[in-house]
Amino acid sequence: HVQLAESGGGSVEAGGSLRLSCSASGGHSSCTYDMSWYRQSPGKEREFVSGFDRDGISKYADSVQGRFTISQDTANNTIYLQMDSLKPDDTGRYYCKTTSHYRIIACMGANAWGQGTLVNVSS
């Protein structure tokens, strides 16, 4: 199964920046996947932040559009999230996610979540 490791979280003041990283490892080589970022704050549902579709097109939640930029290093199975102009509402735990391209049992391990990295934005 795929394992994910996020890093780059921390505490910043509003208007600051952070760059998150997520590295994927393991999994079956034939079970390809898309990678994305989600976040969750206490008392709130986990929400989509940004990710790539199968065509490599980046997608963003309306709340972060224009402020966050997702990028990838496919050779190293890594994605990044550059977060600029951070707001207190961006506070939460940010999770990396893989979504399998194939809805088959053999590739279930390519549907994975990382443990998350904390982001705190103070006003």
PDB file of N, CA and C in Angstrom:
ATOM      1  N   HIS A   1       0.824  -1.183   0.000  1.00  0.00           N
ATOM      2  CA  HIS A   1       0.000   0.000   0.000  1.00  0.00           C
ATOM      3  C   HIS A   1       0.871   1.251   0.000  1.00  0.00           C
ATOM      4  N   VAL A   2       0.280   2.350  -0.427  1.00  0.00           N
ATOM      5  CA  VAL A   2       0.989   3.612  -0.487  1.00  0.00           C
ATOM      6  C   VAL A   2       1.072   4.220   0.909  1.00  0.00           C
ATOM      7  N   GLN A   3       2.234   4.762   1.219  1.00  0.00           N
ATOM      8  CA  GLN A   3       2.418   5.490   2.461  1.00  0.00           C
ATOM      9  C   GLN A   3       2.781   6.926   2.126  1.00  0.00           C
ATOM     10  N   LEU A   4       2.241   7.852   2.906  1.00  0.00           N
ATOM     11  CA  LEU A   4       2.427   9.262   2.649  1.00  0.00           C
ATOM     12  C   LEU A   4       3.031   9.952   3.861  1.00  0.00           C
ATOM     13  N   ALA A   5       3.913  10.891   3.592  1.00  0.00           N
ATOM     14  CA  ALA A   5       4.550  11.650   4.656  1.00  0.00           C
ATOM     15  C   ALA A   5       4.494  13.130   4.322  1.00  0.00           C
ATOM     16  N   GLU A   6       3.780  13.894   5.149  1.00  0.00           N
ATOM     17  CA  GLU A   6       3.667  15.333   4.961  1.00  0.00           C
ATOM     18  C   GLU A   6       4.657  16.066   5.863  1.00  0.00           C
ATOM     19  N   SER A   7       5.050  17.244   5.425  1.00  0.00           N
ATOM     20  CA  SER A   7       5.921  18.083   6.221  1.00  0.00           C
ATOM     21  C   SER A   7       5.740  19.528   5.792  1.00  0.00           C
ATOM     22  N   GLY A   8       6.267  20.433   6.583  1.00  0.00           N
ATOM     23  CA  GLY A   8       6.262  21.836   6.228  1.00  0.00           C
ATOM     24  C   GLY A   8       5.280  22.700   7.002  1.00  0.00           C
ATOM     25  N   GLY A   9       4.467  22.089   7.847  1.00  0.00           N
ATOM     26  CA  GLY A   9       3.527  22.867   8.638  1.00  0.00           C
ATOM     27  C   GLY A   9       4.232  23.687   9.702  1.00  0.00           C
ATOM     28  N   GLY A  10       3.488  24.576  10.311  1.00  0.00           N
ATOM     29  CA  GLY A  10       4.042  25.420  11.348  1.00  0.00           C
ATOM     30  C   GLY A  10       3.082  26.518  11.719  1.00  0.00           C
ATOM     31  N   SER A  11       3.575  27.473  12.491  1.00  0.00           N
ATOM     32  CA  SER A  11       2.778  28.611  12.932  1.00  0.00           C
ATOM     33  C   SER A  11       3.288  29.880  12.285  1.00  0.00           C
ATOM     34  N   VAL A  12       2.378  30.611  11.682  1.00  0.00           N
ATOM     35  CA  VAL A  12       2.724  31.871  11.034  1.00  0.00           C
ATOM     36  C   VAL A  12       1.649  32.903  11.323  1.00  0.00           C
ATOM     37  N   GLU A  13       1.999  34.147  11.133  1.00  0.00           N
ATOM     38  CA  GLU A  13       1.026  35.219  11.259  1.00  0.00           C
ATOM     39  C   GLU A  13       0.272  35.390   9.952  1.00  0.00           C
ATOM     40  N   ALA A  14      -0.910  35.959  10.041  1.00  0.00           N
ATOM     41  CA  ALA A  14      -1.695  36.229   8.845  1.00  0.00           C
ATOM     42  C   ALA A  14      -0.862  36.995   7.828  1.00  0.00           C
ATOM     43  N   GLY A  15      -0.977  36.584   6.576  1.00  0.00           N
ATOM     44  CA  GLY A  15      -0.198  37.192   5.521  1.00  0.00           C
ATOM     45  C   GLY A  15       1.096  36.465   5.221  1.00  0.00           C
ATOM     46  N   GLY A  16       1.460  35.527   6.073  1.00  0.00           N
ATOM     47  CA  GLY A  16       2.681  34.774   5.891  1.00  0.00           C
ATOM     48  C   GLY A  16       2.528  33.640   4.907  1.00  0.00           C
ATOM     49  N   SER A  17       3.600  32.868   4.758  1.00  0.00           N
ATOM     50  CA  SER A  17       3.628  31.774   3.790  1.00  0.00           C
ATOM     51  C   SER A  17       4.195  30.510   4.402  1.00  0.00           C
ATOM     52  N   LEU A  18       3.763  29.394   3.859  1.00  0.00           N
ATOM     53  CA  LEU A  18       4.297  28.090   4.202  1.00  0.00           C
ATOM     54  C   LEU A  18       4.322  27.248   2.939  1.00  0.00           C
ATOM     55  N   ARG A  19       5.218  26.289   2.909  1.00  0.00           N
ATOM     56  CA  ARG A  19       5.282  25.359   1.789  1.00  0.00           C
ATOM     57  C   ARG A  19       5.227  23.938   2.337  1.00  0.00           C
ATOM     58  N   LEU A  20       4.183  23.229   1.990  1.00  0.00           N
ATOM     59  CA  LEU A  20       3.995  21.865   2.437  1.00  0.00           C
ATOM     60  C   LEU A  20       4.534  20.890   1.401  1.00  0.00           C
ATOM     61  N   SER A  21       5.010  19.755   1.882  1.00  0.00           N
ATOM     62  CA  SER A  21       5.503  18.702   1.014  1.00  0.00           C
ATOM     63  C   SER A  21       4.835  17.393   1.386  1.00  0.00           C
ATOM     64  N   CYS A  22       4.653  16.545   0.407  1.00  0.00           N
ATOM     65  CA  CYS A  22       4.117  15.214   0.631  1.00  0.00           C
ATOM     66  C   CYS A  22       4.840  14.243  -0.274  1.00  0.00           C
ATOM     67  N   SER A  23       5.459  13.256   0.325  1.00  0.00           N
ATOM     68  CA  SER A  23       6.170  12.233  -0.430  1.00  0.00           C
ATOM     69  C   SER A  23       5.448  10.905  -0.297  1.00  0.00           C
ATOM     70  N   ALA A  24       5.247  10.245  -1.416  1.00  0.00           N
ATOM     71  CA  ALA A  24       4.582   8.953  -1.446  1.00  0.00           C
ATOM     72  C   ALA A  24       5.600   7.854  -1.671  1.00  0.00           C
ATOM     73  N   SER A  25       5.362   6.737  -1.024  1.00  0.00           N
ATOM     74  CA  SER A  25       6.241   5.591  -1.194  1.00  0.00           C
ATOM     75  C   SER A  25       5.429   4.306  -1.107  1.00  0.00           C
ATOM     76  N   GLY A  26       5.990   3.244  -1.632  1.00  0.00           N
ATOM     77  CA  GLY A  26       5.326   1.960  -1.592  1.00  0.00           C
ATOM     78  C   GLY A  26       4.223   1.851  -2.620  1.00  0.00           C
ATOM     79  N   GLY A  27       3.402   0.850  -2.453  1.00  0.00           N
ATOM     80  CA  GLY A  27       2.319   0.610  -3.383  1.00  0.00           C
ATOM     81  C   GLY A  27       2.785  -0.191  -4.585  1.00  0.00           C
ATOM     82  N   HIS A  28       1.842  -0.744  -5.292  1.00  0.00           N
ATOM     83  CA  HIS A  28       2.157  -1.503  -6.495  1.00  0.00           C
ATOM     84  C   HIS A  28       2.412  -0.539  -7.640  1.00  0.00           C
ATOM     85  N   SER A  29       3.447  -0.815  -8.389  1.00  0.00           N
ATOM     86  CA  SER A  29       3.858   0.080  -9.462  1.00  0.00           C
ATOM     87  C   SER A  29       2.783   0.279 -10.525  1.00  0.00           C
ATOM     88  N   SER A  30       1.952  -0.721 -10.718  1.00  0.00           N
ATOM     89  CA  SER A  30       0.909  -0.622 -11.728  1.00  0.00           C
ATOM     90  C   SER A  30      -0.315   0.149 -11.235  1.00  0.00           C
ATOM     91  N   CYS A  31      -0.390   0.395  -9.935  1.00  0.00           N
ATOM     92  CA  CYS A  31      -1.529   1.097  -9.356  1.00  0.00           C
ATOM     93  C   CYS A  31      -1.217   2.586  -9.254  1.00  0.00           C
ATOM     94  N   THR A  32      -1.427   3.277 -10.333  1.00  0.00           N
ATOM     95  CA  THR A  32      -1.156   4.706 -10.361  1.00  0.00           C
ATOM     96  C   THR A  32      -2.265   5.483  -9.657  1.00  0.00           C
ATOM     97  N   TYR A  33      -1.970   6.717  -9.320  1.00  0.00           N
ATOM     98  CA  TYR A  33      -2.908   7.489  -8.524  1.00  0.00           C
ATOM     99  C   TYR A  33      -2.725   8.984  -8.734  1.00  0.00           C
ATOM    100  N   ASP A  34      -3.764   9.724  -8.358  1.00  0.00           N
ATOM    101  CA  ASP A  34      -3.695  11.171  -8.308  1.00  0.00           C
ATOM    102  C   ASP A  34      -3.372  11.583  -6.878  1.00  0.00           C
ATOM    103  N   MET A  35      -2.759  12.744  -6.729  1.00  0.00           N
ATOM    104  CA  MET A  35      -2.413  13.228  -5.402  1.00  0.00           C
ATOM    105  C   MET A  35      -3.071  14.582  -5.157  1.00  0.00           C
ATOM    106  N   SER A  36      -3.439  14.809  -3.905  1.00  0.00           N
ATOM    107  CA  SER A  36      -4.154  16.023  -3.569  1.00  0.00           C
ATOM    108  C   SER A  36      -3.922  16.399  -2.111  1.00  0.00           C
ATOM    109  N   TRP A  37      -4.393  17.584  -1.757  1.00  0.00           N
ATOM    110  CA  TRP A  37      -4.306  18.092  -0.394  1.00  0.00           C
ATOM    111  C   TRP A  37      -5.699  18.346   0.163  1.00  0.00           C
ATOM    112  N   TYR A  38      -5.903  17.972   1.411  1.00  0.00           N
ATOM    113  CA  TYR A  38      -7.115  18.262   2.153  1.00  0.00           C
ATOM    114  C   TYR A  38      -6.721  18.916   3.467  1.00  0.00           C
ATOM    115  N   ARG A  39      -7.685  19.521   4.135  1.00  0.00           N
ATOM    116  CA  ARG A  39      -7.425  20.080   5.447  1.00  0.00           C
ATOM    117  C   ARG A  39      -8.646  19.914   6.331  1.00  0.00           C
ATOM    118  N   GLN A  40      -8.400  19.966   7.633  1.00  0.00           N
ATOM    119  CA  GLN A  40      -9.478  19.818   8.590  1.00  0.00           C
ATOM    120  C   GLN A  40      -9.169  20.602   9.855  1.00  0.00           C
ATOM    121  N   SER A  41     -10.162  21.324  10.336  1.00  0.00           N
ATOM    122  CA  SER A  41     -10.068  22.049  11.584  1.00  0.00           C
ATOM    123  C   SER A  41     -11.012  21.403  12.587  1.00  0.00           C
ATOM    124  N   PRO A  42     -10.737  21.544  13.887  1.00  0.00           N
ATOM    125  CA  PRO A  42     -11.624  20.961  14.892  1.00  0.00           C
ATOM    126  C   PRO A  42     -13.067  21.414  14.699  1.00  0.00           C
ATOM    127  N   GLY A  43     -13.980  20.465  14.706  1.00  0.00           N
ATOM    128  CA  GLY A  43     -15.382  20.779  14.552  1.00  0.00           C
ATOM    129  C   GLY A  43     -15.840  20.974  13.124  1.00  0.00           C
ATOM    130  N   LYS A  44     -14.925  20.830  12.174  1.00  0.00           N
ATOM    131  CA  LYS A  44     -15.276  20.998  10.774  1.00  0.00           C
ATOM    132  C   LYS A  44     -15.025  19.713   9.994  1.00  0.00           C
ATOM    133  N   GLU A  45     -15.704  19.603   8.864  1.00  0.00           N
ATOM    134  CA  GLU A  45     -15.487  18.471   7.983  1.00  0.00           C
ATOM    135  C   GLU A  45     -14.172  18.645   7.231  1.00  0.00           C
ATOM    136  N   ARG A  46     -13.553  17.536   6.920  1.00  0.00           N
ATOM    137  CA  ARG A  46     -12.362  17.596   6.105  1.00  0.00           C
ATOM    138  C   ARG A  46     -12.747  18.094   4.711  1.00  0.00           C
ATOM    139  N   GLU A  47     -11.974  19.028   4.186  1.00  0.00           N
ATOM    140  CA  GLU A  47     -12.310  19.635   2.920  1.00  0.00           C
ATOM    141  C   GLU A  47     -11.154  19.578   1.927  1.00  0.00           C
ATOM    142  N   PHE A  48     -11.514  19.511   0.683  1.00  0.00           N
ATOM    143  CA  PHE A  48     -10.546  19.526  -0.397  1.00  0.00           C
ATOM    144  C   PHE A  48      -9.896  20.889  -0.487  1.00  0.00           C
ATOM    145  N   VAL A  49      -8.581  20.902  -0.697  1.00  0.00           N
ATOM    146  CA  VAL A  49      -7.836  22.144  -0.840  1.00  0.00           C
ATOM    147  C   VAL A  49      -7.323  22.297  -2.257  1.00  0.00           C
ATOM    148  N   SER A  50      -6.590  21.300  -2.724  1.00  0.00           N
ATOM    149  CA  SER A  50      -6.003  21.364  -4.054  1.00  0.00           C
ATOM    150  C   SER A  50      -5.569  19.973  -4.481  1.00  0.00           C
ATOM    151  N   GLY A  51      -5.506  19.758  -5.776  1.00  0.00           N
ATOM    152  CA  GLY A  51      -5.046  18.481  -6.273  1.00  0.00           C
ATOM    153  C   GLY A  51      -4.926  18.469  -7.776  1.00  0.00           C
ATOM    154  N   PHE A  52      -4.414  17.365  -8.284  1.00  0.00           N
ATOM    155  CA  PHE A  52      -4.270  17.160  -9.718  1.00  0.00           C
ATOM    156  C   PHE A  52      -5.271  16.127 -10.189  1.00  0.00           C
ATOM    157  N   ASP A  53      -5.870  16.386 -11.344  1.00  0.00           N
ATOM    158  CA  ASP A  53      -6.700  15.365 -11.947  1.00  0.00           C
ATOM    159  C   ASP A  53      -5.811  14.449 -12.780  1.00  0.00           C
ATOM    160  N   ARG A  54      -6.414  13.462 -13.426  1.00  0.00           N
ATOM    161  CA  ARG A  54      -5.629  12.482 -14.164  1.00  0.00           C
ATOM    162  C   ARG A  54      -4.861  13.092 -15.328  1.00  0.00           C
ATOM    163  N   ASP A  55      -5.333  14.216 -15.815  1.00  0.00           N
ATOM    164  CA  ASP A  55      -4.668  14.901 -16.914  1.00  0.00           C
ATOM    165  C   ASP A  55      -3.574  15.850 -16.427  1.00  0.00           C
ATOM    166  N   GLY A  56      -3.354  15.891 -15.130  1.00  0.00           N
ATOM    167  CA  GLY A  56      -2.330  16.752 -14.583  1.00  0.00           C
ATOM    168  C   GLY A  56      -2.762  18.187 -14.391  1.00  0.00           C
ATOM    169  N   ILE A  57      -4.050  18.445 -14.490  1.00  0.00           N
ATOM    170  CA  ILE A  57      -4.575  19.787 -14.314  1.00  0.00           C
ATOM    171  C   ILE A  57      -4.783  20.058 -12.830  1.00  0.00           C
ATOM    172  N   SER A  58      -4.284  21.177 -12.378  1.00  0.00           N
ATOM    173  CA  SER A  58      -4.421  21.519 -10.971  1.00  0.00           C
ATOM    174  C   SER A  58      -5.799  22.082 -10.677  1.00  0.00           C
ATOM    175  N   LYS A  59      -6.316  21.730  -9.510  1.00  0.00           N
ATOM    176  CA  LYS A  59      -7.614  22.189  -9.059  1.00  0.00           C
ATOM    177  C   LYS A  59      -7.462  22.820  -7.683  1.00  0.00           C
ATOM    178  N   TYR A  60      -8.307  23.807  -7.403  1.00  0.00           N
ATOM    179  CA  TYR A  60      -8.244  24.499  -6.122  1.00  0.00           C
ATOM    180  C   TYR A  60      -9.630  24.746  -5.563  1.00  0.00           C
ATOM    181  N   ALA A  61      -9.731  24.681  -4.253  1.00  0.00           N
ATOM    182  CA  ALA A  61     -10.949  25.113  -3.599  1.00  0.00           C
ATOM    183  C   ALA A  61     -11.081  26.621  -3.769  1.00  0.00           C
ATOM    184  N   ASP A  62     -12.311  27.088  -3.848  1.00  0.00           N
ATOM    185  CA  ASP A  62     -12.531  28.518  -4.031  1.00  0.00           C
ATOM    186  C   ASP A  62     -11.864  29.340  -2.926  1.00  0.00           C
ATOM    187  N   SER A  63     -11.820  28.794  -1.725  1.00  0.00           N
ATOM    188  CA  SER A  63     -11.295  29.523  -0.588  1.00  0.00           C
ATOM    189  C   SER A  63      -9.795  29.785  -0.662  1.00  0.00           C
ATOM    190  N   VAL A  64      -9.083  29.027  -1.496  1.00  0.00           N
ATOM    191  CA  VAL A  64      -7.633  29.188  -1.594  1.00  0.00           C
ATOM    192  C   VAL A  64      -7.181  29.621  -2.977  1.00  0.00           C
ATOM    193  N   GLN A  65      -8.098  29.699  -3.909  1.00  0.00           N
ATOM    194  CA  GLN A  65      -7.775  30.090  -5.279  1.00  0.00           C
ATOM    195  C   GLN A  65      -7.041  31.427  -5.283  1.00  0.00           C
ATOM    196  N   GLY A  66      -5.923  31.465  -5.979  1.00  0.00           N
ATOM    197  CA  GLY A  66      -5.143  32.680  -6.084  1.00  0.00           C
ATOM    198  C   GLY A  66      -4.112  32.857  -4.998  1.00  0.00           C
ATOM    199  N   ARG A  67      -4.203  32.067  -3.941  1.00  0.00           N
ATOM    200  CA  ARG A  67      -3.259  32.172  -2.833  1.00  0.00           C
ATOM    201  C   ARG A  67      -2.368  30.940  -2.701  1.00  0.00           C
ATOM    202  N   PHE A  68      -2.904  29.780  -3.053  1.00  0.00           N
ATOM    203  CA  PHE A  68      -2.160  28.525  -2.948  1.00  0.00           C
ATOM    204  C   PHE A  68      -1.775  28.044  -4.335  1.00  0.00           C
ATOM    205  N   THR A  69      -0.645  27.368  -4.416  1.00  0.00           N
ATOM    206  CA  THR A  69      -0.185  26.796  -5.676  1.00  0.00           C
ATOM    207  C   THR A  69       0.303  25.378  -5.431  1.00  0.00           C
ATOM    208  N   ILE A  70      -0.266  24.432  -6.165  1.00  0.00           N
ATOM    209  CA  ILE A  70       0.165  23.050  -6.046  1.00  0.00           C
ATOM    210  C   ILE A  70       1.157  22.743  -7.159  1.00  0.00           C
ATOM    211  N   SER A  71       2.141  21.935  -6.851  1.00  0.00           N
ATOM    212  CA  SER A  71       3.118  21.520  -7.841  1.00  0.00           C
ATOM    213  C   SER A  71       3.517  20.085  -7.551  1.00  0.00           C
ATOM    214  N   GLN A  72       4.220  19.469  -8.482  1.00  0.00           N
ATOM    215  CA  GLN A  72       4.591  18.079  -8.296  1.00  0.00           C
ATOM    216  C   GLN A  72       5.951  17.775  -8.875  1.00  0.00           C
ATOM    217  N   ASP A  73       6.582  16.787  -8.282  1.00  0.00           N
ATOM    218  CA  ASP A  73       7.827  16.222  -8.772  1.00  0.00           C
ATOM    219  C   ASP A  73       7.521  14.747  -8.981  1.00  0.00           C
ATOM    220  N   THR A  74       7.070  14.416 -10.167  1.00  0.00           N
ATOM    221  CA  THR A  74       6.613  13.056 -10.431  1.00  0.00           C
ATOM    222  C   THR A  74       7.725  12.026 -10.288  1.00  0.00           C
ATOM    223  N   ALA A  75       8.952  12.407 -10.626  1.00  0.00           N
ATOM    224  CA  ALA A  75      10.067  11.480 -10.530  1.00  0.00           C
ATOM    225  C   ALA A  75      10.301  11.034  -9.096  1.00  0.00           C
ATOM    226  N   ASN A  76       9.992  11.897  -8.145  1.00  0.00           N
ATOM    227  CA  ASN A  76      10.201  11.590  -6.734  1.00  0.00           C
ATOM    228  C   ASN A  76       8.896  11.356  -5.977  1.00  0.00           C
ATOM    229  N   ASN A  77       7.805  11.211  -6.712  1.00  0.00           N
ATOM    230  CA  ASN A  77       6.500  10.935  -6.110  1.00  0.00           C
ATOM    231  C   ASN A  77       6.162  11.928  -5.002  1.00  0.00           C
ATOM    232  N   THR A  78       6.349  13.182  -5.310  1.00  0.00           N
ATOM    233  CA  THR A  78       6.173  14.234  -4.325  1.00  0.00           C
ATOM    234  C   THR A  78       5.300  15.355  -4.867  1.00  0.00           C
ATOM    235  N   ILE A  79       4.438  15.883  -4.009  1.00  0.00           N
ATOM    236  CA  ILE A  79       3.686  17.084  -4.348  1.00  0.00           C
ATOM    237  C   ILE A  79       3.963  18.141  -3.297  1.00  0.00           C
ATOM    238  N   TYR A  80       3.730  19.375  -3.686  1.00  0.00           N
ATOM    239  CA  TYR A  80       3.964  20.500  -2.803  1.00  0.00           C
ATOM    240  C   TYR A  80       2.744  21.402  -2.803  1.00  0.00           C
ATOM    241  N   LEU A  81       2.617  22.172  -1.756  1.00  0.00           N
ATOM    242  CA  LEU A  81       1.573  23.176  -1.688  1.00  0.00           C
ATOM    243  C   LEU A  81       2.184  24.460  -1.156  1.00  0.00           C
ATOM    244  N   GLN A  82       2.365  25.409  -2.048  1.00  0.00           N
ATOM    245  CA  GLN A  82       2.856  26.720  -1.656  1.00  0.00           C
ATOM    246  C   GLN A  82       1.670  27.550  -1.207  1.00  0.00           C
ATOM    247  N   MET A  83       1.680  27.960   0.040  1.00  0.00           N
ATOM    248  CA  MET A  83       0.576  28.703   0.620  1.00  0.00           C
ATOM    249  C   MET A  83       1.043  30.116   0.930  1.00  0.00           C
ATOM    250  N   ASP A  84       0.475  31.066   0.234  1.00  0.00           N
ATOM    251  CA  ASP A  84       0.809  32.473   0.423  1.00  0.00           C
ATOM    252  C   ASP A  84      -0.405  33.231   0.937  1.00  0.00           C
ATOM    253  N   SER A  85      -0.158  34.402   1.471  1.00  0.00           N
ATOM    254  CA  SER A  85      -1.230  35.259   1.991  1.00  0.00           C
ATOM    255  C   SER A  85      -2.151  34.480   2.919  1.00  0.00           C
ATOM    256  N   LEU A  86      -1.552  33.754   3.829  1.00  0.00           N
ATOM    257  CA  LEU A  86      -2.324  32.898   4.723  1.00  0.00           C
ATOM    258  C   LEU A  86      -3.258  33.699   5.616  1.00  0.00           C
ATOM    259  N   LYS A  87      -4.409  33.109   5.867  1.00  0.00           N
ATOM    260  CA  LYS A  87      -5.439  33.705   6.703  1.00  0.00           C
ATOM    261  C   LYS A  87      -5.696  32.809   7.905  1.00  0.00           C
ATOM    262  N   PRO A  88      -6.227  33.367   8.989  1.00  0.00           N
ATOM    263  CA  PRO A  88      -6.569  32.524  10.140  1.00  0.00           C
ATOM    264  C   PRO A  88      -7.493  31.361   9.771  1.00  0.00           C
ATOM    265  N   ASP A  89      -8.367  31.552   8.788  1.00  0.00           N
ATOM    266  CA  ASP A  89      -9.267  30.490   8.362  1.00  0.00           C
ATOM    267  C   ASP A  89      -8.541  29.332   7.693  1.00  0.00           C
ATOM    268  N   ASP A  90      -7.281  29.530   7.343  1.00  0.00           N
ATOM    269  CA  ASP A  90      -6.483  28.454   6.765  1.00  0.00           C
ATOM    270  C   ASP A  90      -5.945  27.512   7.831  1.00  0.00           C
ATOM    271  N   THR A  91      -6.117  27.860   9.079  1.00  0.00           N
ATOM    272  CA  THR A  91      -5.639  27.031  10.178  1.00  0.00           C
ATOM    273  C   THR A  91      -6.284  25.652  10.143  1.00  0.00           C
ATOM    274  N   GLY A  92      -5.483  24.632  10.366  1.00  0.00           N
ATOM    275  CA  GLY A  92      -5.993  23.281  10.392  1.00  0.00           C
ATOM    276  C   GLY A  92      -4.884  22.281  10.166  1.00  0.00           C
ATOM    277  N   ARG A  93      -5.276  21.033  10.098  1.00  0.00           N
ATOM    278  CA  ARG A  93      -4.324  19.991   9.797  1.00  0.00           C
ATOM    279  C   ARG A  93      -4.454  19.659   8.313  1.00  0.00           C
ATOM    280  N   TYR A  94      -3.353  19.706   7.618  1.00  0.00           N
ATOM    281  CA  TYR A  94      -3.336  19.478   6.180  1.00  0.00           C
ATOM    282  C   TYR A  94      -2.883  18.054   5.883  1.00  0.00           C
ATOM    283  N   TYR A  95      -3.689  17.376   5.090  1.00  0.00           N
ATOM    284  CA  TYR A  95      -3.450  15.983   4.772  1.00  0.00           C
ATOM    285  C   TYR A  95      -3.171  15.792   3.290  1.00  0.00           C
ATOM    286  N   CYS A  96      -2.239  14.926   3.012  1.00  0.00           N
ATOM    287  CA  CYS A  96      -1.979  14.491   1.655  1.00  0.00           C
ATOM    288  C   CYS A  96      -2.822  13.255   1.376  1.00  0.00           C
ATOM    289  N   LYS A  97      -3.319  13.144   0.170  1.00  0.00           N
ATOM    290  CA  LYS A  97      -4.175  12.022  -0.194  1.00  0.00           C
ATOM    291  C   LYS A  97      -3.819  11.499  -1.573  1.00  0.00           C
ATOM    292  N   THR A  98      -3.863  10.190  -1.710  1.00  0.00           N
ATOM    293  CA  THR A  98      -3.769   9.574  -3.023  1.00  0.00           C
ATOM    294  C   THR A  98      -5.104   8.934  -3.360  1.00  0.00           C
ATOM    295  N   THR A  99      -5.495   9.051  -4.616  1.00  0.00           N
ATOM    296  CA  THR A  99      -6.730   8.467  -5.107  1.00  0.00           C
ATOM    297  C   THR A  99      -6.391   7.575  -6.282  1.00  0.00           C
ATOM    298  N   SER A 100      -6.680   6.302  -6.140  1.00  0.00           N
ATOM    299  CA  SER A 100      -6.335   5.336  -7.165  1.00  0.00           C
ATOM    300  C   SER A 100      -7.047   5.627  -8.475  1.00  0.00           C
ATOM    301  N   HIS A 101      -6.344   5.372  -9.554  1.00  0.00           N
ATOM    302  CA  HIS A 101      -6.956   5.488 -10.879  1.00  0.00           C
ATOM    303  C   HIS A 101      -7.856   4.308 -11.195  1.00  0.00           C
ATOM    304  N   TYR A 102      -7.741   3.257 -10.399  1.00  0.00           N
ATOM    305  CA  TYR A 102      -8.449   2.022 -10.698  1.00  0.00           C
ATOM    306  C   TYR A 102      -9.271   1.563  -9.506  1.00  0.00           C
ATOM    307  N   ARG A 103     -10.552   1.347  -9.751  1.00  0.00           N
ATOM    308  CA  ARG A 103     -11.443   0.883  -8.693  1.00  0.00           C
ATOM    309  C   ARG A 103     -11.450  -0.640  -8.664  1.00  0.00           C
ATOM    310  N   ILE A 104     -10.304  -1.181  -8.324  1.00  0.00           N
ATOM    311  CA  ILE A 104     -10.151  -2.622  -8.211  1.00  0.00           C
ATOM    312  C   ILE A 104      -9.492  -2.936  -6.873  1.00  0.00           C
ATOM    313  N   ILE A 105      -9.781  -4.119  -6.379  1.00  0.00           N
ATOM    314  CA  ILE A 105      -9.271  -4.512  -5.069  1.00  0.00           C
ATOM    315  C   ILE A 105      -7.745  -4.465  -5.013  1.00  0.00           C
ATOM    316  N   ALA A 106      -7.101  -4.885  -6.089  1.00  0.00           N
ATOM    317  CA  ALA A 106      -5.648  -4.935  -6.114  1.00  0.00           C
ATOM    318  C   ALA A 106      -5.009  -3.571  -5.909  1.00  0.00           C
ATOM    319  N   CYS A 107      -5.744  -2.506  -6.201  1.00  0.00           N
ATOM    320  CA  CYS A 107      -5.199  -1.164  -6.082  1.00  0.00           C
ATOM    321  C   CYS A 107      -5.814  -0.367  -4.933  1.00  0.00           C
ATOM    322  N   MET A 108      -6.470  -1.040  -4.024  1.00  0.00           N
ATOM    323  CA  MET A 108      -7.051  -0.349  -2.881  1.00  0.00           C
ATOM    324  C   MET A 108      -5.996   0.374  -2.057  1.00  0.00           C
ATOM    325  N   GLY A 109      -4.786  -0.153  -2.036  1.00  0.00           N
ATOM    326  CA  GLY A 109      -3.703   0.464  -1.290  1.00  0.00           C
ATOM    327  C   GLY A 109      -3.271   1.804  -1.852  1.00  0.00           C
ATOM    328  N   ALA A 110      -3.706   2.112  -3.056  1.00  0.00           N
ATOM    329  CA  ALA A 110      -3.385   3.394  -3.673  1.00  0.00           C
ATOM    330  C   ALA A 110      -4.387   4.481  -3.288  1.00  0.00           C
ATOM    331  N   ASN A 111      -5.322   4.144  -2.417  1.00  0.00           N
ATOM    332  CA  ASN A 111      -6.204   5.127  -1.787  1.00  0.00           C
ATOM    333  C   ASN A 111      -5.688   5.308  -0.364  1.00  0.00           C
ATOM    334  N   ALA A 112      -4.968   6.378  -0.131  1.00  0.00           N
ATOM    335  CA  ALA A 112      -4.284   6.538   1.145  1.00  0.00           C
ATOM    336  C   ALA A 112      -4.329   7.968   1.650  1.00  0.00           C
ATOM    337  N   TRP A 113      -4.204   8.091   2.958  1.00  0.00           N
ATOM    338  CA  TRP A 113      -4.105   9.378   3.639  1.00  0.00           C
ATOM    339  C   TRP A 113      -2.814   9.436   4.438  1.00  0.00           C
ATOM    340  N   GLY A 114      -2.197  10.604   4.440  1.00  0.00           N
ATOM    341  CA  GLY A 114      -1.082  10.821   5.330  1.00  0.00           C
ATOM    342  C   GLY A 114      -1.589  11.166   6.714  1.00  0.00           C
ATOM    343  N   GLN A 115      -0.679  11.309   7.663  1.00  0.00           N
ATOM    344  CA  GLN A 115      -1.069  11.640   9.028  1.00  0.00           C
ATOM    345  C   GLN A 115      -1.320  13.128   9.227  1.00  0.00           C
ATOM    346  N   GLY A 116      -0.925  13.927   8.263  1.00  0.00           N
ATOM    347  CA  GLY A 116      -1.194  15.344   8.310  1.00  0.00           C
ATOM    348  C   GLY A 116      -0.069  16.163   8.916  1.00  0.00           C
ATOM    349  N   THR A 117      -0.077  17.438   8.601  1.00  0.00           N
ATOM    350  CA  THR A 117       0.864  18.385   9.172  1.00  0.00           C
ATOM    351  C   THR A 117       0.081  19.623   9.612  1.00  0.00           C
ATOM    352  N   LEU A 118       0.358  20.107  10.801  1.00  0.00           N
ATOM    353  CA  LEU A 118      -0.413  21.195  11.389  1.00  0.00           C
ATOM    354  C   LEU A 118       0.000  22.546  10.831  1.00  0.00           C
ATOM    355  N   VAL A 119      -1.007  23.353  10.553  1.00  0.00           N
ATOM    356  CA  VAL A 119      -0.808  24.730  10.115  1.00  0.00           C
ATOM    357  C   VAL A 119      -1.630  25.627  11.025  1.00  0.00           C
ATOM    358  N   ASN A 120      -0.973  26.587  11.633  1.00  0.00           N
ATOM    359  CA  ASN A 120      -1.667  27.549  12.481  1.00  0.00           C
ATOM    360  C   ASN A 120      -1.364  28.957  11.993  1.00  0.00           C
ATOM    361  N   VAL A 121      -2.409  29.688  11.695  1.00  0.00           N
ATOM    362  CA  VAL A 121      -2.263  31.057  11.221  1.00  0.00           C
ATOM    363  C   VAL A 121      -2.927  31.980  12.230  1.00  0.00           C
ATOM    364  N   SER A 122      -2.147  32.815  12.856  1.00  0.00           N
ATOM    365  CA  SER A 122      -2.662  33.727  13.861  1.00  0.00           C
ATOM    366  C   SER A 122      -2.984  35.081  13.245  1.00  0.00           C
ATOM    367  N   SER A 123      -3.927  35.763  13.841  1.00  0.00           N
ATOM    368  CA  SER A 123      -4.329  37.070  13.345  1.00  0.00           C
ATOM    369  C   SER A 123      -3.430  38.164  13.883  1.00  0.00           C
TER     370      SER A 123
END
